Amino acid sequence: MEKRNNRYQIDLKESSLKDGSEAGKNISFEFENHDDLFKIFEVVKSKNIFEDENTSHEFSLGLKLFTEVMLKNRKHLLFEELQPAISEFMKKLKSY
């Protein structure tokens, strides 16, 4: 049986730049993740790990994007030293 993943799309657009130059770049891409990201957003938000909802969303999305890339490339040398630390971090996060 084929393992199915959830599919998502991200549309990212510059809204302002710190140097005052004109913003306008954007990128859109699709990706797959084995988790329901919207459920994760709600779980992290409900745990009140961060003071505001935006920070919870940034954290959740960044972590899930990063860890999914690690999972798909688990034998890549780039992640060799990081994998044990991420594993421990995820255990700690889930215990909150």
PDB file of N, CA and C in Angstrom:
ATOM      1  N   MET A   1       0.836  -1.187   0.000  1.00  0.00           N
ATOM      2  CA  MET A   1       0.000   0.000   0.000  1.00  0.00           C
ATOM      3  C   MET A   1       0.880   1.250   0.000  1.00  0.00           C
ATOM      4  N   GLU A   2       0.566   2.177  -0.872  1.00  0.00           N
ATOM      5  CA  GLU A   2       1.340   3.404  -0.991  1.00  0.00           C
ATOM      6  C   GLU A   2       1.028   4.350   0.165  1.00  0.00           C
ATOM      7  N   LYS A   3       2.087   4.884   0.763  1.00  0.00           N
ATOM      8  CA  LYS A   3       1.899   5.837   1.849  1.00  0.00           C
ATOM      9  C   LYS A   3       1.488   7.183   1.257  1.00  0.00           C
ATOM     10  N   ARG A   4       0.426   7.730   1.766  1.00  0.00           N
ATOM     11  CA  ARG A   4      -0.075   9.003   1.267  1.00  0.00           C
ATOM     12  C   ARG A   4       0.351  10.137   2.185  1.00  0.00           C
ATOM     13  N   ASN A   5       0.625  11.244   1.564  1.00  0.00           N
ATOM     14  CA  ASN A   5       0.986  12.445   2.297  1.00  0.00           C
ATOM     15  C   ASN A   5      -0.044  13.535   2.043  1.00  0.00           C
ATOM     16  N   ASN A   6      -0.080  14.485   2.934  1.00  0.00           N
ATOM     17  CA  ASN A   6      -0.892  15.676   2.739  1.00  0.00           C
ATOM     18  C   ASN A   6      -0.121  16.615   1.812  1.00  0.00           C
ATOM     19  N   ARG A   7      -0.837  17.310   0.934  1.00  0.00           N
ATOM     20  CA  ARG A   7      -0.218  18.267   0.023  1.00  0.00           C
ATOM     21  C   ARG A   7      -0.618  19.676   0.447  1.00  0.00           C
ATOM     22  N   TYR A   8       0.353  20.569   0.382  1.00  0.00           N
ATOM     23  CA  TYR A   8       0.145  21.961   0.769  1.00  0.00           C
ATOM     24  C   TYR A   8       0.766  22.881  -0.273  1.00  0.00           C
ATOM     25  N   GLN A   9       0.331  24.128  -0.240  1.00  0.00           N
ATOM     26  CA  GLN A   9       0.926  25.153  -1.087  1.00  0.00           C
ATOM     27  C   GLN A   9       1.260  26.348  -0.216  1.00  0.00           C
ATOM     28  N   ILE A  10       2.424  26.900  -0.446  1.00  0.00           N
ATOM     29  CA  ILE A  10       2.850  28.113   0.250  1.00  0.00           C
ATOM     30  C   ILE A  10       2.984  29.222  -0.784  1.00  0.00           C
ATOM     31  N   ASP A  11       2.409  30.377  -0.468  1.00  0.00           N
ATOM     32  CA  ASP A  11       2.565  31.587  -1.260  1.00  0.00           C
ATOM     33  C   ASP A  11       3.210  32.618  -0.347  1.00  0.00           C
ATOM     34  N   LEU A  12       4.446  32.972  -0.634  1.00  0.00           N
ATOM     35  CA  LEU A  12       5.193  33.898   0.212  1.00  0.00           C
ATOM     36  C   LEU A  12       5.482  35.162  -0.578  1.00  0.00           C
ATOM     37  N   LYS A  13       5.144  36.303   0.020  1.00  0.00           N
ATOM     38  CA  LYS A  13       5.308  37.583  -0.656  1.00  0.00           C
ATOM     39  C   LYS A  13       5.969  38.580   0.282  1.00  0.00           C
ATOM     40  N   GLU A  14       6.956  39.278  -0.231  1.00  0.00           N
ATOM     41  CA  GLU A  14       7.560  40.359   0.550  1.00  0.00           C
ATOM     42  C   GLU A  14       6.514  41.444   0.761  1.00  0.00           C
ATOM     43  N   SER A  15       6.420  41.935   1.984  1.00  0.00           N
ATOM     44  CA  SER A  15       5.493  43.039   2.227  1.00  0.00           C
ATOM     45  C   SER A  15       6.229  44.334   2.535  1.00  0.00           C
ATOM     46  N   SER A  16       7.390  44.248   3.167  1.00  0.00           N
ATOM     47  CA  SER A  16       8.242  45.425   3.374  1.00  0.00           C
ATOM     48  C   SER A  16       9.659  44.932   3.650  1.00  0.00           C
ATOM     49  N   LEU A  17      10.616  45.776   3.316  1.00  0.00           N
ATOM     50  CA  LEU A  17      12.021  45.430   3.517  1.00  0.00           C
ATOM     51  C   LEU A  17      12.665  46.415   4.482  1.00  0.00           C
ATOM     52  N   LYS A  18      13.559  45.914   5.316  1.00  0.00           N
ATOM     53  CA  LYS A  18      14.155  46.740   6.369  1.00  0.00           C
ATOM     54  C   LYS A  18      14.983  47.896   5.830  1.00  0.00           C
ATOM     55  N   ASP A  19      15.500  47.753   4.601  1.00  0.00           N
ATOM     56  CA  ASP A  19      16.312  48.839   4.037  1.00  0.00           C
ATOM     57  C   ASP A  19      15.471  49.886   3.308  1.00  0.00           C
ATOM     58  N   GLY A  20      14.157  49.717   3.314  1.00  0.00           N
ATOM     59  CA  GLY A  20      13.262  50.678   2.696  1.00  0.00           C
ATOM     60  C   GLY A  20      13.087  50.508   1.201  1.00  0.00           C
ATOM     61  N   SER A  21      13.812  49.582   0.596  1.00  0.00           N
ATOM     62  CA  SER A  21      13.657  49.375  -0.840  1.00  0.00           C
ATOM     63  C   SER A  21      12.299  48.735  -1.121  1.00  0.00           C
ATOM     64  N   GLU A  22      11.908  48.787  -2.368  1.00  0.00           N
ATOM     65  CA  GLU A  22      10.582  48.305  -2.746  1.00  0.00           C
ATOM     66  C   GLU A  22      10.477  46.790  -2.626  1.00  0.00           C
ATOM     67  N   ALA A  23       9.472  46.356  -1.913  1.00  0.00           N
ATOM     68  CA  ALA A  23       9.200  44.930  -1.776  1.00  0.00           C
ATOM     69  C   ALA A  23       8.366  44.482  -2.964  1.00  0.00           C
ATOM     70  N   GLY A  24       8.437  43.235  -3.296  1.00  0.00           N
ATOM     71  CA  GLY A  24       7.611  42.757  -4.391  1.00  0.00           C
ATOM     72  C   GLY A  24       7.921  41.346  -4.829  1.00  0.00           C
ATOM     73  N   LYS A  25       9.005  40.780  -4.326  1.00  0.00           N
ATOM     74  CA  LYS A  25       9.331  39.405  -4.699  1.00  0.00           C
ATOM     75  C   LYS A  25       8.312  38.461  -4.078  1.00  0.00           C
ATOM     76  N   ASN A  26       8.070  37.368  -4.768  1.00  0.00           N
ATOM     77  CA  ASN A  26       7.200  36.349  -4.202  1.00  0.00           C
ATOM     78  C   ASN A  26       7.608  34.985  -4.740  1.00  0.00           C
ATOM     79  N   ILE A  27       7.191  33.983  -4.016  1.00  0.00           N
ATOM     80  CA  ILE A  27       7.461  32.600  -4.409  1.00  0.00           C
ATOM     81  C   ILE A  27       6.261  31.757  -3.997  1.00  0.00           C
ATOM     82  N   SER A  28       5.955  30.787  -4.792  1.00  0.00           N
ATOM     83  CA  SER A  28       4.870  29.870  -4.503  1.00  0.00           C
ATOM     84  C   SER A  28       5.372  28.470  -4.805  1.00  0.00           C
ATOM     85  N   PHE A  29       5.140  27.548  -3.881  1.00  0.00           N
ATOM     86  CA  PHE A  29       5.542  26.167  -4.131  1.00  0.00           C
ATOM     87  C   PHE A  29       4.646  25.214  -3.371  1.00  0.00           C
ATOM     88  N   GLU A  30       4.595  23.998  -3.873  1.00  0.00           N
ATOM     89  CA  GLU A  30       3.831  22.941  -3.228  1.00  0.00           C
ATOM     90  C   GLU A  30       4.792  21.969  -2.576  1.00  0.00           C
ATOM     91  N   PHE A  31       4.308  21.307  -1.527  1.00  0.00           N
ATOM     92  CA  PHE A  31       5.117  20.316  -0.835  1.00  0.00           C
ATOM     93  C   PHE A  31       4.200  19.309  -0.170  1.00  0.00           C
ATOM     94  N   GLU A  32       4.784  18.216   0.237  1.00  0.00           N
ATOM     95  CA  GLU A  32       4.045  17.172   0.945  1.00  0.00           C
ATOM     96  C   GLU A  32       4.573  17.056   2.365  1.00  0.00           C
ATOM     97  N   ASN A  33       3.692  16.655   3.257  1.00  0.00           N
ATOM     98  CA  ASN A  33       4.082  16.397   4.636  1.00  0.00           C
ATOM     99  C   ASN A  33       3.208  15.273   5.163  1.00  0.00           C
ATOM    100  N   HIS A  34       3.801  14.393   5.944  1.00  0.00           N
ATOM    101  CA  HIS A  34       3.036  13.265   6.469  1.00  0.00           C
ATOM    102  C   HIS A  34       2.079  13.678   7.580  1.00  0.00           C
ATOM    103  N   ASP A  35       2.265  14.853   8.153  1.00  0.00           N
ATOM    104  CA  ASP A  35       1.399  15.332   9.232  1.00  0.00           C
ATOM    105  C   ASP A  35       0.335  16.293   8.714  1.00  0.00           C
ATOM    106  N   ASP A  36      -0.742  16.424   9.482  1.00  0.00           N
ATOM    107  CA  ASP A  36      -1.760  17.429   9.233  1.00  0.00           C
ATOM    108  C   ASP A  36      -1.258  18.731   9.859  1.00  0.00           C
ATOM    109  N   LEU A  37      -0.742  19.630   9.038  1.00  0.00           N
ATOM    110  CA  LEU A  37      -0.110  20.844   9.563  1.00  0.00           C
ATOM    111  C   LEU A  37      -1.086  21.737  10.316  1.00  0.00           C
ATOM    112  N   PHE A  38      -2.323  21.786   9.873  1.00  0.00           N
ATOM    113  CA  PHE A  38      -3.280  22.643  10.570  1.00  0.00           C
ATOM    114  C   PHE A  38      -3.602  22.113  11.964  1.00  0.00           C
ATOM    115  N   LYS A  39      -3.576  20.813  12.113  1.00  0.00           N
ATOM    116  CA  LYS A  39      -3.749  20.223  13.445  1.00  0.00           C
ATOM    117  C   LYS A  39      -2.547  20.578  14.328  1.00  0.00           C
ATOM    118  N   ILE A  40      -1.353  20.535  13.752  1.00  0.00           N
ATOM    119  CA  ILE A  40      -0.140  20.891  14.506  1.00  0.00           C
ATOM    120  C   ILE A  40      -0.173  22.355  14.914  1.00  0.00           C
ATOM    121  N   PHE A  41      -0.626  23.237  14.016  1.00  0.00           N
ATOM    122  CA  PHE A  41      -0.762  24.656  14.383  1.00  0.00           C
ATOM    123  C   PHE A  41      -1.624  24.806  15.620  1.00  0.00           C
ATOM    124  N   GLU A  42      -2.743  24.103  15.649  1.00  0.00           N
ATOM    125  CA  GLU A  42      -3.670  24.198  16.779  1.00  0.00           C
ATOM    126  C   GLU A  42      -3.068  23.617  18.056  1.00  0.00           C
ATOM    127  N   VAL A  43      -2.379  22.486  17.941  1.00  0.00           N
ATOM    128  CA  VAL A  43      -1.783  21.849  19.123  1.00  0.00           C
ATOM    129  C   VAL A  43      -0.718  22.755  19.730  1.00  0.00           C
ATOM    130  N   VAL A  44       0.182  23.274  18.903  1.00  0.00           N
ATOM    131  CA  VAL A  44       1.255  24.153  19.409  1.00  0.00           C
ATOM    132  C   VAL A  44       0.649  25.418  20.014  1.00  0.00           C
ATOM    133  N   LYS A  45      -0.324  25.988  19.336  1.00  0.00           N
ATOM    134  CA  LYS A  45      -0.993  27.190  19.866  1.00  0.00           C
ATOM    135  C   LYS A  45      -1.643  26.900  21.217  1.00  0.00           C
ATOM    136  N   SER A  46      -2.295  25.751  21.346  1.00  0.00           N
ATOM    137  CA  SER A  46      -2.999  25.417  22.588  1.00  0.00           C
ATOM    138  C   SER A  46      -2.053  25.183  23.761  1.00  0.00           C
ATOM    139  N   LYS A  47      -0.808  24.841  23.478  1.00  0.00           N
ATOM    140  CA  LYS A  47       0.170  24.598  24.542  1.00  0.00           C
ATOM    141  C   LYS A  47       0.777  25.886  25.079  1.00  0.00           C
ATOM    142  N   ASN A  48       0.474  27.014  24.437  1.00  0.00           N
ATOM    143  CA  ASN A  48       0.961  28.327  24.886  1.00  0.00           C
ATOM    144  C   ASN A  48       2.475  28.355  25.086  1.00  0.00           C
ATOM    145  N   ILE A  49       3.199  27.736  24.166  1.00  0.00           N
ATOM    146  CA  ILE A  49       4.657  27.735  24.239  1.00  0.00           C
ATOM    147  C   ILE A  49       5.186  29.142  23.984  1.00  0.00           C
ATOM    148  N   PHE A  50       4.514  29.865  23.090  1.00  0.00           N
ATOM    149  CA  PHE A  50       4.927  31.222  22.721  1.00  0.00           C
ATOM    150  C   PHE A  50       3.816  32.199  23.072  1.00  0.00           C
ATOM    151  N   GLU A  51       4.177  33.461  23.190  1.00  0.00           N
ATOM    152  CA  GLU A  51       3.217  34.468  23.625  1.00  0.00           C
ATOM    153  C   GLU A  51       2.154  34.796  22.589  1.00  0.00           C
ATOM    154  N   ASP A  52       2.491  34.675  21.299  1.00  0.00           N
ATOM    155  CA  ASP A  52       1.497  35.054  20.304  1.00  0.00           C
ATOM    156  C   ASP A  52       1.319  33.978  19.235  1.00  0.00           C
ATOM    157  N   GLU A  53       0.178  34.051  18.574  1.00  0.00           N
ATOM    158  CA  GLU A  53      -0.202  33.053  17.584  1.00  0.00           C
ATOM    159  C   GLU A  53       0.742  33.048  16.380  1.00  0.00           C
ATOM    160  N   ASN A  54       1.162  34.219  15.920  1.00  0.00           N
ATOM    161  CA  ASN A  54       2.071  34.278  14.776  1.00  0.00           C
ATOM    162  C   ASN A  54       3.359  33.511  15.050  1.00  0.00           C
ATOM    163  N   THR A  55       3.924  33.699  16.226  1.00  0.00           N
ATOM    164  CA  THR A  55       5.160  32.994  16.576  1.00  0.00           C
ATOM    165  C   THR A  55       4.927  31.490  16.593  1.00  0.00           C
ATOM    166  N   SER A  56       3.795  31.056  17.105  1.00  0.00           N
ATOM    167  CA  SER A  56       3.460  29.627  17.105  1.00  0.00           C
ATOM    168  C   SER A  56       3.380  29.080  15.684  1.00  0.00           C
ATOM    169  N   HIS A  57       2.760  29.848  14.793  1.00  0.00           N
ATOM    170  CA  HIS A  57       2.646  29.412  13.392  1.00  0.00           C
ATOM    171  C   HIS A  57       4.010  29.368  12.706  1.00  0.00           C
ATOM    172  N   GLU A  58       4.815  30.409  12.920  1.00  0.00           N
ATOM    173  CA  GLU A  58       6.155  30.440  12.321  1.00  0.00           C
ATOM    174  C   GLU A  58       6.977  29.241  12.776  1.00  0.00           C
ATOM    175  N   PHE A  59       6.956  28.997  14.077  1.00  0.00           N
ATOM    176  CA  PHE A  59       7.697  27.879  14.646  1.00  0.00           C
ATOM    177  C   PHE A  59       7.224  26.550  14.068  1.00  0.00           C
ATOM    178  N   SER A  60       5.914  26.333  14.086  1.00  0.00           N
ATOM    179  CA  SER A  60       5.346  25.065  13.621  1.00  0.00           C
ATOM    180  C   SER A  60       5.662  24.814  12.158  1.00  0.00           C
ATOM    181  N   LEU A  61       5.446  25.810  11.328  1.00  0.00           N
ATOM    182  CA  LEU A  61       5.689  25.638   9.901  1.00  0.00           C
ATOM    183  C   LEU A  61       7.171  25.430   9.615  1.00  0.00           C
ATOM    184  N   GLY A  62       8.015  26.252  10.209  1.00  0.00           N
ATOM    185  CA  GLY A  62       9.456  26.109   9.984  1.00  0.00           C
ATOM    186  C   GLY A  62       9.970  24.750  10.420  1.00  0.00           C
ATOM    187  N   LEU A  63       9.552  24.323  11.587  1.00  0.00           N
ATOM    188  CA  LEU A  63      10.002  23.032  12.104  1.00  0.00           C
ATOM    189  C   LEU A  63       9.519  21.887  11.225  1.00  0.00           C
ATOM    190  N   LYS A  64       8.249  21.921  10.822  1.00  0.00           N
ATOM    191  CA  LYS A  64       7.713  20.837  10.008  1.00  0.00           C
ATOM    192  C   LYS A  64       8.331  20.805   8.615  1.00  0.00           C
ATOM    193  N   LEU A  65       8.585  21.959   8.021  1.00  0.00           N
ATOM    194  CA  LEU A  65       9.257  21.985   6.719  1.00  0.00           C
ATOM    195  C   LEU A  65      10.660  21.407   6.844  1.00  0.00           C
ATOM    196  N   PHE A  66      11.383  21.845   7.853  1.00  0.00           N
ATOM    197  CA  PHE A  66      12.764  21.392   8.051  1.00  0.00           C
ATOM    198  C   PHE A  66      12.836  19.902   8.358  1.00  0.00           C
ATOM    199  N   THR A  67      12.022  19.437   9.296  1.00  0.00           N
ATOM    200  CA  THR A  67      12.127  18.031   9.696  1.00  0.00           C
ATOM    201  C   THR A  67      11.643  17.087   8.598  1.00  0.00           C
ATOM    202  N   GLU A  68      10.700  17.528   7.772  1.00  0.00           N
ATOM    203  CA  GLU A  68      10.258  16.680   6.660  1.00  0.00           C
ATOM    204  C   GLU A  68      11.384  16.529   5.638  1.00  0.00           C
ATOM    205  N   VAL A  69      12.130  17.598   5.383  1.00  0.00           N
ATOM    206  CA  VAL A  69      13.286  17.508   4.485  1.00  0.00           C
ATOM    207  C   VAL A  69      14.324  16.554   5.077  1.00  0.00           C
ATOM    208  N   MET A  70      14.534  16.646   6.396  1.00  0.00           N
ATOM    209  CA  MET A  70      15.471  15.722   7.050  1.00  0.00           C
ATOM    210  C   MET A  70      15.023  14.274   6.889  1.00  0.00           C
ATOM    211  N   LEU A  71      13.741  14.013   7.080  1.00  0.00           N
ATOM    212  CA  LEU A  71      13.226  12.647   6.953  1.00  0.00           C
ATOM    213  C   LEU A  71      13.416  12.109   5.540  1.00  0.00           C
ATOM    214  N   LYS A  72      13.151  12.943   4.557  1.00  0.00           N
ATOM    215  CA  LYS A  72      13.275  12.515   3.162  1.00  0.00           C
ATOM    216  C   LYS A  72      14.735  12.325   2.755  1.00  0.00           C
ATOM    217  N   ASN A  73      15.641  12.925   3.505  1.00  0.00           N
ATOM    218  CA  ASN A  73      17.071  12.874   3.181  1.00  0.00           C
ATOM    219  C   ASN A  73      17.879  12.385   4.367  1.00  0.00           C
ATOM    220  N   ARG A  74      17.329  11.416   5.094  1.00  0.00           N
ATOM    221  CA  ARG A  74      17.932  11.001   6.367  1.00  0.00           C
ATOM    222  C   ARG A  74      19.350  10.460   6.236  1.00  0.00           C
ATOM    223  N   LYS A  75      19.740  10.017   5.074  1.00  0.00           N
ATOM    224  CA  LYS A  75      21.102   9.487   4.898  1.00  0.00           C
ATOM    225  C   LYS A  75      22.085  10.543   4.408  1.00  0.00           C
ATOM    226  N   HIS A  76      21.610  11.756   4.217  1.00  0.00           N
ATOM    227  CA  HIS A  76      22.483  12.834   3.749  1.00  0.00           C
ATOM    228  C   HIS A  76      23.443  13.223   4.873  1.00  0.00           C
ATOM    229  N   LEU A  77      24.688  13.381   4.527  1.00  0.00           N
ATOM    230  CA  LEU A  77      25.717  13.717   5.521  1.00  0.00           C
ATOM    231  C   LEU A  77      25.451  15.046   6.221  1.00  0.00           C
ATOM    232  N   LEU A  78      24.769  15.945   5.559  1.00  0.00           N
ATOM    233  CA  LEU A  78      24.478  17.250   6.148  1.00  0.00           C
ATOM    234  C   LEU A  78      23.719  17.127   7.470  1.00  0.00           C
ATOM    235  N   PHE A  79      22.857  16.120   7.563  1.00  0.00           N
ATOM    236  CA  PHE A  79      22.008  15.975   8.746  1.00  0.00           C
ATOM    237  C   PHE A  79      22.552  14.988   9.778  1.00  0.00           C
ATOM    238  N   GLU A  80      23.655  14.365   9.504  1.00  0.00           N
ATOM    239  CA  GLU A  80      24.195  13.300  10.351  1.00  0.00           C
ATOM    240  C   GLU A  80      24.322  13.707  11.826  1.00  0.00           C
ATOM    241  N   GLU A  81      24.936  14.831  12.091  1.00  0.00           N
ATOM    242  CA  GLU A  81      25.151  15.255  13.483  1.00  0.00           C
ATOM    243  C   GLU A  81      23.896  15.850  14.108  1.00  0.00           C
ATOM    244  N   LEU A  82      23.023  16.352  13.276  1.00  0.00           N
ATOM    245  CA  LEU A  82      21.833  17.036  13.769  1.00  0.00           C
ATOM    246  C   LEU A  82      20.700  16.083  14.153  1.00  0.00           C
ATOM    247  N   GLN A  83      20.634  14.928  13.522  1.00  0.00           N
ATOM    248  CA  GLN A  83      19.516  14.008  13.748  1.00  0.00           C
ATOM    249  C   GLN A  83      19.307  13.619  15.216  1.00  0.00           C
ATOM    250  N   PRO A  84      20.338  13.265  15.966  1.00  0.00           N
ATOM    251  CA  PRO A  84      20.094  12.922  17.382  1.00  0.00           C
ATOM    252  C   PRO A  84      19.540  14.103  18.184  1.00  0.00           C
ATOM    253  N   ALA A  85      20.052  15.298  17.916  1.00  0.00           N
ATOM    254  CA  ALA A  85      19.574  16.480  18.640  1.00  0.00           C
ATOM    255  C   ALA A  85      18.128  16.798  18.273  1.00  0.00           C
ATOM    256  N   ILE A  86      17.775  16.679  17.013  1.00  0.00           N
ATOM    257  CA  ILE A  86      16.396  16.930  16.589  1.00  0.00           C
ATOM    258  C   ILE A  86      15.460  15.899  17.202  1.00  0.00           C
ATOM    259  N   SER A  87      15.900  14.664  17.273  1.00  0.00           N
ATOM    260  CA  SER A  87      15.093  13.614  17.889  1.00  0.00           C
ATOM    261  C   SER A  87      14.794  13.948  19.349  1.00  0.00           C
ATOM    262  N   GLU A  88      15.796  14.369  20.083  1.00  0.00           N
ATOM    263  CA  GLU A  88      15.609  14.758  21.489  1.00  0.00           C
ATOM    264  C   GLU A  88      14.724  15.992  21.609  1.00  0.00           C
ATOM    265  N   PHE A  89      14.942  16.949  20.714  1.00  0.00           N
ATOM    266  CA  PHE A  89      14.144  18.169  20.722  1.00  0.00           C
ATOM    267  C   PHE A  89      12.669  17.846  20.500  1.00  0.00           C
ATOM    268  N   MET A  90      12.385  16.956  19.554  1.00  0.00           N
ATOM    269  CA  MET A  90      10.994  16.590  19.258  1.00  0.00           C
ATOM    270  C   MET A  90      10.351  15.893  20.453  1.00  0.00           C
ATOM    271  N   LYS A  91      11.105  15.060  21.155  1.00  0.00           N
ATOM    272  CA  LYS A  91      10.573  14.412  22.356  1.00  0.00           C
ATOM    273  C   LYS A  91      10.227  15.465  23.411  1.00  0.00           C
ATOM    274  N   LYS A  92      11.117  16.437  23.582  1.00  0.00           N
ATOM    275  CA  LYS A  92      10.881  17.507  24.551  1.00  0.00           C
ATOM    276  C   LYS A  92       9.669  18.334  24.162  1.00  0.00           C
ATOM    277  N   LEU A  93       9.563  18.664  22.897  1.00  0.00           N
ATOM    278  CA  LEU A  93       8.425  19.452  22.422  1.00  0.00           C
ATOM    279  C   LEU A  93       7.113  18.717  22.652  1.00  0.00           C
ATOM    280  N   LYS A  94       7.094  17.425  22.358  1.00  0.00           N
ATOM    281  CA  LYS A  94       5.858  16.649  22.521  1.00  0.00           C
ATOM    282  C   LYS A  94       5.475  16.470  23.994  1.00  0.00           C
ATOM    283  N   SER A  95       6.425  16.655  24.898  1.00  0.00           N
ATOM    284  CA  SER A  95       6.119  16.514  26.323  1.00  0.00           C
ATOM    285  C   SER A  95       5.511  17.785  26.915  1.00  0.00           C
ATOM    286  N   TYR A  96       5.537  18.886  26.195  1.00  0.00           N
ATOM    287  CA  TYR A  96       4.957  20.148  26.692  1.00  0.00           C
ATOM    288  C   TYR A  96       3.478  19.998  26.882  1.00  0.00           C
TER     289      TYR A  96
END
